[in-house]
Amino acid sequence: MTNSRQIACIVLAICTLVSACGKNKPVTEEEPSAQGPITPGPADPPYTSSAKYPSGLQLTLVGDSELTNSYPVPISNPYGGTRQNHYLRVAYFIDLGRAPVSQQVTTNFRLSDYVAPVQQRGLTRAYIDPQIVHHTQQIRSGLGRALLINSAYRSPEHNNAVGGATYSRHIYGDAVDIDINQNQTDANQRAQELFNEAQDVGVDFVLPLEETSIDVNGQQRVSWVHLDDRGF
């Protein structure tokens, strides 16, 4: 009888120990807390002092405190405090006066394809996130046709001037607008193909096509497709 009691005590002690270990198990990336991710992960812009693109081109970025301070306050973003790290102010930028804008960032795109609108406005700073560059190339390769980027990075001032949302992903450098040629009779079909391909390659967000359509001779046609890698 004594042996039975001893065995029972040992079993109880082991069960208690296992239960305690389970309660103290740390939260990992595979098991996020109920509040959701609150720290930048692989899908977030690094905002560090360098950027490396799929072609192997690596740029040393520069600080610009005046430009950084012009960004909206992260904690006031539309998604609340748990998303504020996805809206950190960009701290480092491409110096367009020194950057090799004619060099390839992917097989089919040069850095100039992303920063041309900025340069046309006479600005000397930009930030282009390597992940959106990678995804744009994947979309282009999947569709097998050329794509025209008509908008990528915008400074907060530029964004305000064109009526962009306060927290537009364009100011964070991880958004692009792909032009849909309105002279094409199959514009909507081409837009839908682009939309589907963007989702297939894992772009974080693609704006619904009805929000970028315009009236062309009494017919609604998609004018551009917006996609971004906001990190969630």
C-alpha atoms as a PDB file:
ATOM      1  CA  MET A   1       0.000   0.000   0.000  1.00  0.00           C
ATOM      2  CA  THR A   2       2.918   2.286   0.826  1.00  0.00           C
ATOM      3  CA  ASN A   3       4.420   1.698  -2.614  1.00  0.00           C
ATOM      4  CA  SER A   4       1.128   2.600  -4.298  1.00  0.00           C
ATOM      5  CA  ARG A   5       0.969   5.897  -2.386  1.00  0.00           C
ATOM      6  CA  GLN A   6       4.584   6.703  -3.283  1.00  0.00           C
ATOM      7  CA  ILE A   7       3.932   6.020  -6.991  1.00  0.00           C
ATOM      8  CA  ALA A   8       0.809   8.183  -6.899  1.00  0.00           C
ATOM      9  CA  CYS A   9       2.752  11.043  -5.312  1.00  0.00           C
ATOM     10  CA  ILE A  10       5.485  10.797  -7.937  1.00  0.00           C
ATOM     11  CA  VAL A  11       2.936  10.848 -10.799  1.00  0.00           C
ATOM     12  CA  LEU A  12       1.198  13.880  -9.243  1.00  0.00           C
ATOM     13  CA  ALA A  13       4.516  15.706  -8.916  1.00  0.00           C
ATOM     14  CA  ILE A  14       5.407  15.047 -12.575  1.00  0.00           C
ATOM     15  CA  CYS A  15       2.013  16.263 -13.777  1.00  0.00           C
ATOM     16  CA  THR A  16       2.338  19.444 -11.700  1.00  0.00           C
ATOM     17  CA  LEU A  17       5.808  20.107 -13.153  1.00  0.00           C
ATOM     18  CA  VAL A  18       4.628  19.608 -16.752  1.00  0.00           C
ATOM     19  CA  SER A  19       1.661  21.927 -16.183  1.00  0.00           C
ATOM     20  CA  ALA A  20       3.889  24.638 -14.710  1.00  0.00           C
ATOM     21  CA  CYS A  21       6.277  24.438 -17.660  1.00  0.00           C
ATOM     22  CA  GLY A  22       3.383  24.836 -20.082  1.00  0.00           C
ATOM     23  CA  LYS A  23       2.166  27.951 -18.273  1.00  0.00           C
ATOM     24  CA  ASN A  24       5.625  29.501 -18.383  1.00  0.00           C
ATOM     25  CA  LYS A  25       6.233  28.690 -22.061  1.00  0.00           C
ATOM     26  CA  PRO A  26       7.352  31.887 -23.824  1.00  0.00           C
ATOM     27  CA  VAL A  27       5.322  33.363 -26.661  1.00  0.00           C
ATOM     28  CA  THR A  28       7.159  32.779 -29.968  1.00  0.00           C
ATOM     29  CA  GLU A  29       6.759  34.093 -33.503  1.00  0.00           C
ATOM     30  CA  GLU A  30       4.805  30.934 -34.340  1.00  0.00           C
ATOM     31  CA  GLU A  31       2.433  31.587 -31.430  1.00  0.00           C
ATOM     32  CA  PRO A  32       1.764  35.348 -31.412  1.00  0.00           C
ATOM     33  CA  SER A  33       0.038  37.022 -28.509  1.00  0.00           C
ATOM     34  CA  ALA A  34      -3.652  37.848 -28.696  1.00  0.00           C
ATOM     35  CA  GLN A  35      -2.777  41.506 -29.344  1.00  0.00           C
ATOM     36  CA  GLY A  36      -1.200  40.635 -32.702  1.00  0.00           C
ATOM     37  CA  PRO A  37       2.290  41.464 -33.960  1.00  0.00           C
ATOM     38  CA  ILE A  38       3.683  44.696 -32.538  1.00  0.00           C
ATOM     39  CA  THR A  39       7.279  44.456 -33.726  1.00  0.00           C
ATOM     40  CA  PRO A  40       8.573  44.715 -37.295  1.00  0.00           C
ATOM     41  CA  GLY A  41       8.974  41.383 -39.053  1.00  0.00           C
ATOM     42  CA  PRO A  42      10.339  40.240 -42.412  1.00  0.00           C
ATOM     43  CA  ALA A  43       7.423  41.803 -44.266  1.00  0.00           C
ATOM     44  CA  ASP A  44       8.086  45.269 -42.847  1.00  0.00           C
ATOM     45  CA  PRO A  45      10.410  47.853 -44.355  1.00  0.00           C
ATOM     46  CA  PRO A  46      13.689  47.685 -42.412  1.00  0.00           C
ATOM     47  CA  TYR A  47      14.208  51.481 -42.332  1.00  0.00           C
ATOM     48  CA  THR A  48      17.906  50.889 -41.733  1.00  0.00           C
ATOM     49  CA  SER A  49      20.853  52.719 -43.256  1.00  0.00           C
ATOM     50  CA  SER A  50      21.097  50.383 -46.263  1.00  0.00           C
ATOM     51  CA  ALA A  51      18.834  48.675 -48.776  1.00  0.00           C
ATOM     52  CA  LYS A  52      19.655  45.631 -50.890  1.00  0.00           C
ATOM     53  CA  TYR A  53      17.594  44.881 -53.979  1.00  0.00           C
ATOM     54  CA  PRO A  54      17.006  41.541 -55.763  1.00  0.00           C
ATOM     55  CA  SER A  55      19.569  42.383 -58.454  1.00  0.00           C
ATOM     56  CA  GLY A  56      22.256  42.584 -55.771  1.00  0.00           C
ATOM     57  CA  LEU A  57      22.398  46.388 -55.895  1.00  0.00           C
ATOM     58  CA  GLN A  58      23.012  47.653 -52.359  1.00  0.00           C
ATOM     59  CA  LEU A  59      22.602  51.300 -51.458  1.00  0.00           C
ATOM     60  CA  THR A  60      23.831  53.190 -48.434  1.00  0.00           C
ATOM     61  CA  LEU A  61      20.988  55.426 -47.313  1.00  0.00           C
ATOM     62  CA  VAL A  62      21.161  58.833 -45.668  1.00  0.00           C
ATOM     63  CA  GLY A  63      19.336  60.443 -42.794  1.00  0.00           C
ATOM     64  CA  ASP A  64      17.148  63.501 -43.266  1.00  0.00           C
ATOM     65  CA  SER A  65      15.639  64.620 -39.978  1.00  0.00           C
ATOM     66  CA  GLU A  66      13.454  67.301 -41.551  1.00  0.00           C
ATOM     67  CA  LEU A  67      11.864  64.798 -43.920  1.00  0.00           C
ATOM     68  CA  THR A  68      11.524  62.148 -41.212  1.00  0.00           C
ATOM     69  CA  ASN A  69       9.816  64.607 -38.865  1.00  0.00           C
ATOM     70  CA  SER A  70       7.280  65.451 -41.577  1.00  0.00           C
ATOM     71  CA  TYR A  71       5.782  61.944 -41.272  1.00  0.00           C
ATOM     72  CA  PRO A  72       2.543  61.469 -39.310  1.00  0.00           C
ATOM     73  CA  VAL A  73       2.682  60.146 -35.749  1.00  0.00           C
ATOM     74  CA  PRO A  74       2.806  56.304 -35.879  1.00  0.00           C
ATOM     75  CA  ILE A  75       0.416  55.663 -32.979  1.00  0.00           C
ATOM     76  CA  SER A  76      -2.375  57.659 -34.662  1.00  0.00           C
ATOM     77  CA  ASN A  77      -2.584  55.311 -37.657  1.00  0.00           C
ATOM     78  CA  PRO A  78      -6.044  53.947 -38.635  1.00  0.00           C
ATOM     79  CA  TYR A  79      -5.357  50.490 -37.161  1.00  0.00           C
ATOM     80  CA  GLY A  80      -4.447  51.479 -33.620  1.00  0.00           C
ATOM     81  CA  GLY A  81      -1.483  50.922 -31.345  1.00  0.00           C
ATOM     82  CA  THR A  82      -0.865  47.283 -32.300  1.00  0.00           C
ATOM     83  CA  ARG A  83      -0.012  48.411 -35.843  1.00  0.00           C
ATOM     84  CA  GLN A  84       2.127  51.433 -35.021  1.00  0.00           C
ATOM     85  CA  ASN A  85       5.390  49.679 -35.910  1.00  0.00           C
ATOM     86  CA  HIS A  86       4.098  49.238 -39.441  1.00  0.00           C
ATOM     87  CA  TYR A  87       3.859  53.025 -39.580  1.00  0.00           C
ATOM     88  CA  LEU A  88       7.233  54.015 -38.145  1.00  0.00           C
ATOM     89  CA  ARG A  89       8.636  57.164 -39.674  1.00  0.00           C
ATOM     90  CA  VAL A  90      11.153  56.432 -42.400  1.00  0.00           C
ATOM     91  CA  ALA A  91      14.562  57.345 -41.004  1.00  0.00           C
ATOM     92  CA  TYR A  92      16.867  56.741 -43.992  1.00  0.00           C
ATOM     93  CA  PHE A  93      16.474  57.617 -47.655  1.00  0.00           C
ATOM     94  CA  ILE A  94      18.077  57.130 -51.055  1.00  0.00           C
ATOM     95  CA  ASP A  95      20.180  60.156 -51.979  1.00  0.00           C
ATOM     96  CA  LEU A  96      19.017  60.609 -55.563  1.00  0.00           C
ATOM     97  CA  GLY A  97      21.844  63.003 -56.298  1.00  0.00           C
ATOM     98  CA  ARG A  98      24.362  60.203 -55.844  1.00  0.00           C
ATOM     99  CA  ALA A  99      22.399  56.989 -56.362  1.00  0.00           C
ATOM    100  CA  PRO A 100      22.983  54.947 -59.553  1.00  0.00           C
ATOM    101  CA  VAL A 101      19.389  55.324 -60.715  1.00  0.00           C
ATOM    102  CA  SER A 102      20.137  53.749 -64.104  1.00  0.00           C
ATOM    103  CA  GLN A 103      21.131  50.434 -62.522  1.00  0.00           C
ATOM    104  CA  GLN A 104      18.884  47.378 -62.353  1.00  0.00           C
ATOM    105  CA  VAL A 105      17.071  46.576 -59.135  1.00  0.00           C
ATOM    106  CA  THR A 106      15.547  43.437 -60.705  1.00  0.00           C
ATOM    107  CA  THR A 107      15.746  41.714 -64.085  1.00  0.00           C
ATOM    108  CA  ASN A 108      13.258  44.031 -65.785  1.00  0.00           C
ATOM    109  CA  PHE A 109      13.282  47.167 -63.652  1.00  0.00           C
ATOM    110  CA  ARG A 110      15.799  49.914 -62.971  1.00  0.00           C
ATOM    111  CA  LEU A 111      15.831  52.108 -59.899  1.00  0.00           C
ATOM    112  CA  SER A 112      14.739  54.966 -62.185  1.00  0.00           C
ATOM    113  CA  ASP A 113      11.436  53.156 -62.849  1.00  0.00           C
ATOM    114  CA  TYR A 114      10.577  53.724 -59.175  1.00  0.00           C
ATOM    115  CA  VAL A 115      12.049  57.163 -58.522  1.00  0.00           C
ATOM    116  CA  ALA A 116      11.348  58.984 -61.809  1.00  0.00           C
ATOM    117  CA  PRO A 117       8.171  60.708 -60.469  1.00  0.00           C
ATOM    118  CA  VAL A 118      10.181  61.948 -57.460  1.00  0.00           C
ATOM    119  CA  GLN A 119      12.966  63.284 -59.664  1.00  0.00           C
ATOM    120  CA  GLN A 120      10.461  64.989 -61.950  1.00  0.00           C
ATOM    121  CA  ARG A 121       9.298  66.989 -58.946  1.00  0.00           C
ATOM    122  CA  GLY A 122      12.883  68.085 -58.294  1.00  0.00           C
ATOM    123  CA  LEU A 123      13.168  66.121 -55.037  1.00  0.00           C
ATOM    124  CA  THR A 124      16.396  64.472 -53.886  1.00  0.00           C
ATOM    125  CA  ARG A 125      15.163  61.860 -51.397  1.00  0.00           C
ATOM    126  CA  ALA A 126      13.160  58.652 -51.763  1.00  0.00           C
ATOM    127  CA  TYR A 127      12.719  55.295 -50.101  1.00  0.00           C
ATOM    128  CA  ILE A 128      11.956  52.166 -52.133  1.00  0.00           C
ATOM    129  CA  ASP A 129      11.334  49.006 -50.140  1.00  0.00           C
ATOM    130  CA  PRO A 130      13.147  45.932 -51.566  1.00  0.00           C
ATOM    131  CA  GLN A 131      10.158  43.660 -50.910  1.00  0.00           C
ATOM    132  CA  ILE A 132       7.757  45.584 -53.147  1.00  0.00           C
ATOM    133  CA  VAL A 133      10.479  45.655 -55.813  1.00  0.00           C
ATOM    134  CA  HIS A 134      10.747  41.869 -55.562  1.00  0.00           C
ATOM    135  CA  HIS A 135       6.989  41.389 -55.789  1.00  0.00           C
ATOM    136  CA  THR A 136       6.652  43.751 -58.765  1.00  0.00           C
ATOM    137  CA  GLN A 137       9.218  41.712 -60.670  1.00  0.00           C
ATOM    138  CA  GLN A 138       7.402  38.482 -59.785  1.00  0.00           C
ATOM    139  CA  ILE A 139       4.170  39.949 -61.152  1.00  0.00           C
ATOM    140  CA  ARG A 140       5.879  41.110 -64.335  1.00  0.00           C
ATOM    141  CA  SER A 141       7.458  37.682 -64.833  1.00  0.00           C
ATOM    142  CA  GLY A 142       4.182  35.892 -64.148  1.00  0.00           C
ATOM    143  CA  LEU A 143       2.222  38.016 -66.618  1.00  0.00           C
ATOM    144  CA  GLY A 144       4.972  37.948 -69.224  1.00  0.00           C
ATOM    145  CA  ARG A 145       4.468  41.564 -70.261  1.00  0.00           C
ATOM    146  CA  ALA A 146       5.941  44.964 -69.491  1.00  0.00           C
ATOM    147  CA  LEU A 147       4.524  46.986 -66.600  1.00  0.00           C
ATOM    148  CA  LEU A 148       4.579  50.754 -66.172  1.00  0.00           C
ATOM    149  CA  ILE A 149       4.974  52.090 -62.636  1.00  0.00           C
ATOM    150  CA  ASN A 150       3.268  55.468 -62.500  1.00  0.00           C
ATOM    151  CA  SER A 151       3.664  56.056 -58.761  1.00  0.00           C
ATOM    152  CA  ALA A 152       5.890  54.631 -56.038  1.00  0.00           C
ATOM    153  CA  TYR A 153       7.471  56.680 -53.228  1.00  0.00           C
ATOM    154  CA  ARG A 154       5.954  60.010 -52.249  1.00  0.00           C
ATOM    155  CA  SER A 155       7.164  62.310 -49.515  1.00  0.00           C
ATOM    156  CA  PRO A 156       4.412  63.327 -47.057  1.00  0.00           C
ATOM    157  CA  GLU A 157       4.335  66.776 -48.695  1.00  0.00           C
ATOM    158  CA  HIS A 158       4.001  65.270 -52.187  1.00  0.00           C
ATOM    159  CA  ASN A 159       1.345  62.868 -50.922  1.00  0.00           C
ATOM    160  CA  ASN A 160      -0.692  65.704 -49.433  1.00  0.00           C
ATOM    161  CA  ALA A 161      -0.405  67.669 -52.672  1.00  0.00           C
ATOM    162  CA  VAL A 162      -1.955  64.856 -54.723  1.00  0.00           C
ATOM    163  CA  GLY A 163      -4.702  64.171 -52.172  1.00  0.00           C
ATOM    164  CA  GLY A 164      -3.301  60.903 -50.840  1.00  0.00           C
ATOM    165  CA  ALA A 165      -4.439  59.386 -47.555  1.00  0.00           C
ATOM    166  CA  THR A 166      -2.523  60.640 -44.514  1.00  0.00           C
ATOM    167  CA  TYR A 167      -1.102  57.186 -43.876  1.00  0.00           C
ATOM    168  CA  SER A 168      -0.751  56.191 -47.521  1.00  0.00           C
ATOM    169  CA  ARG A 169       1.726  53.348 -47.980  1.00  0.00           C
ATOM    170  CA  HIS A 170       3.365  55.414 -50.711  1.00  0.00           C
ATOM    171  CA  ILE A 171       5.060  57.575 -48.086  1.00  0.00           C
ATOM    172  CA  TYR A 172       6.550  54.435 -46.543  1.00  0.00           C
ATOM    173  CA  GLY A 173       8.034  53.341 -49.850  1.00  0.00           C
ATOM    174  CA  ASP A 174       6.333  49.942 -50.053  1.00  0.00           C
ATOM    175  CA  ALA A 175       3.523  50.789 -52.491  1.00  0.00           C
ATOM    176  CA  VAL A 176       3.356  51.016 -56.271  1.00  0.00           C
ATOM    177  CA  ASP A 177       0.615  51.959 -58.707  1.00  0.00           C
ATOM    178  CA  ILE A 178       0.752  50.049 -61.990  1.00  0.00           C
ATOM    179  CA  ASP A 179      -0.662  51.919 -64.974  1.00  0.00           C
ATOM    180  CA  ILE A 180      -3.401  50.270 -67.020  1.00  0.00           C
ATOM    181  CA  ASN A 181      -3.407  51.642 -70.571  1.00  0.00           C
ATOM    182  CA  GLN A 182      -6.871  53.052 -71.152  1.00  0.00           C
ATOM    183  CA  ASN A 183      -6.420  52.784 -74.928  1.00  0.00           C
ATOM    184  CA  GLN A 184      -6.617  49.026 -74.545  1.00  0.00           C
ATOM    185  CA  THR A 185     -10.096  47.630 -75.133  1.00  0.00           C
ATOM    186  CA  ASP A 186      -9.254  44.825 -72.708  1.00  0.00           C
ATOM    187  CA  ALA A 187      -8.090  47.190 -69.919  1.00  0.00           C
ATOM    188  CA  ASN A 188     -10.364  45.653 -67.288  1.00  0.00           C
ATOM    189  CA  GLN A 189      -9.254  42.150 -68.157  1.00  0.00           C
ATOM    190  CA  ARG A 190      -5.593  43.148 -67.968  1.00  0.00           C
ATOM    191  CA  ALA A 191      -6.216  44.837 -64.626  1.00  0.00           C
ATOM    192  CA  GLN A 192      -7.929  41.739 -63.268  1.00  0.00           C
ATOM    193  CA  GLU A 193      -5.012  39.574 -64.402  1.00  0.00           C
ATOM    194  CA  LEU A 194      -2.592  41.915 -62.639  1.00  0.00           C
ATOM    195  CA  PHE A 195      -4.765  41.915 -59.515  1.00  0.00           C
ATOM    196  CA  ASN A 196      -4.854  38.113 -59.449  1.00  0.00           C
ATOM    197  CA  GLU A 197      -1.117  37.790 -60.049  1.00  0.00           C
ATOM    198  CA  ALA A 198      -0.363  40.233 -57.219  1.00  0.00           C
ATOM    199  CA  GLN A 199      -2.393  38.113 -54.832  1.00  0.00           C
ATOM    200  CA  ASP A 200      -0.749  34.928 -56.095  1.00  0.00           C
ATOM    201  CA  VAL A 201       2.785  36.188 -55.382  1.00  0.00           C
ATOM    202  CA  GLY A 202       1.844  37.231 -51.848  1.00  0.00           C
ATOM    203  CA  VAL A 203       1.502  41.012 -51.977  1.00  0.00           C
ATOM    204  CA  ASP A 204       0.066  42.130 -48.632  1.00  0.00           C
ATOM    205  CA  PHE A 205      -2.676  44.380 -50.012  1.00  0.00           C
ATOM    206  CA  VAL A 206      -4.220  45.058 -53.429  1.00  0.00           C
ATOM    207  CA  LEU A 207      -6.792  47.842 -53.682  1.00  0.00           C
ATOM    208  CA  PRO A 208     -10.181  46.658 -55.044  1.00  0.00           C
ATOM    209  CA  LEU A 209     -10.354  47.462 -58.758  1.00  0.00           C
ATOM    210  CA  GLU A 210     -13.646  49.340 -58.479  1.00  0.00           C
ATOM    211  CA  GLU A 211     -11.817  51.985 -56.433  1.00  0.00           C
ATOM    212  CA  THR A 212      -9.417  52.792 -59.289  1.00  0.00           C
ATOM    213  CA  SER A 213     -11.850  52.760 -62.214  1.00  0.00           C
ATOM    214  CA  ILE A 214     -12.778  55.783 -64.302  1.00  0.00           C
ATOM    215  CA  ASP A 215     -15.480  56.529 -66.859  1.00  0.00           C
ATOM    216  CA  VAL A 216     -14.257  56.107 -70.434  1.00  0.00           C
ATOM    217  CA  ASN A 217     -16.961  56.804 -73.027  1.00  0.00           C
ATOM    218  CA  GLY A 218     -19.676  55.658 -70.660  1.00  0.00           C
ATOM    219  CA  GLN A 219     -17.820  52.535 -69.595  1.00  0.00           C
ATOM    220  CA  GLN A 220     -16.028  52.007 -66.291  1.00  0.00           C
ATOM    221  CA  ARG A 221     -12.442  51.005 -66.911  1.00  0.00           C
ATOM    222  CA  VAL A 222      -9.677  50.429 -64.409  1.00  0.00           C
ATOM    223  CA  SER A 223      -7.040  53.159 -64.617  1.00  0.00           C
ATOM    224  CA  TRP A 224      -4.381  51.670 -62.347  1.00  0.00           C
ATOM    225  CA  VAL A 225      -3.784  48.890 -59.836  1.00  0.00           C
ATOM    226  CA  HIS A 226      -2.452  49.767 -56.380  1.00  0.00           C
ATOM    227  CA  LEU A 227      -0.474  47.180 -54.422  1.00  0.00           C
ATOM    228  CA  ASP A 228       1.610  47.446 -51.269  1.00  0.00           C
ATOM    229  CA  ASP A 229       3.573  45.412 -48.756  1.00  0.00           C
ATOM    230  CA  ARG A 230       2.345  47.028 -45.558  1.00  0.00           C
ATOM    231  CA  GLY A 231       3.358  44.046 -43.432  1.00  0.00           C
ATOM    232  CA  PHE A 232      -0.106  42.842 -42.451  1.00  0.00           C
END
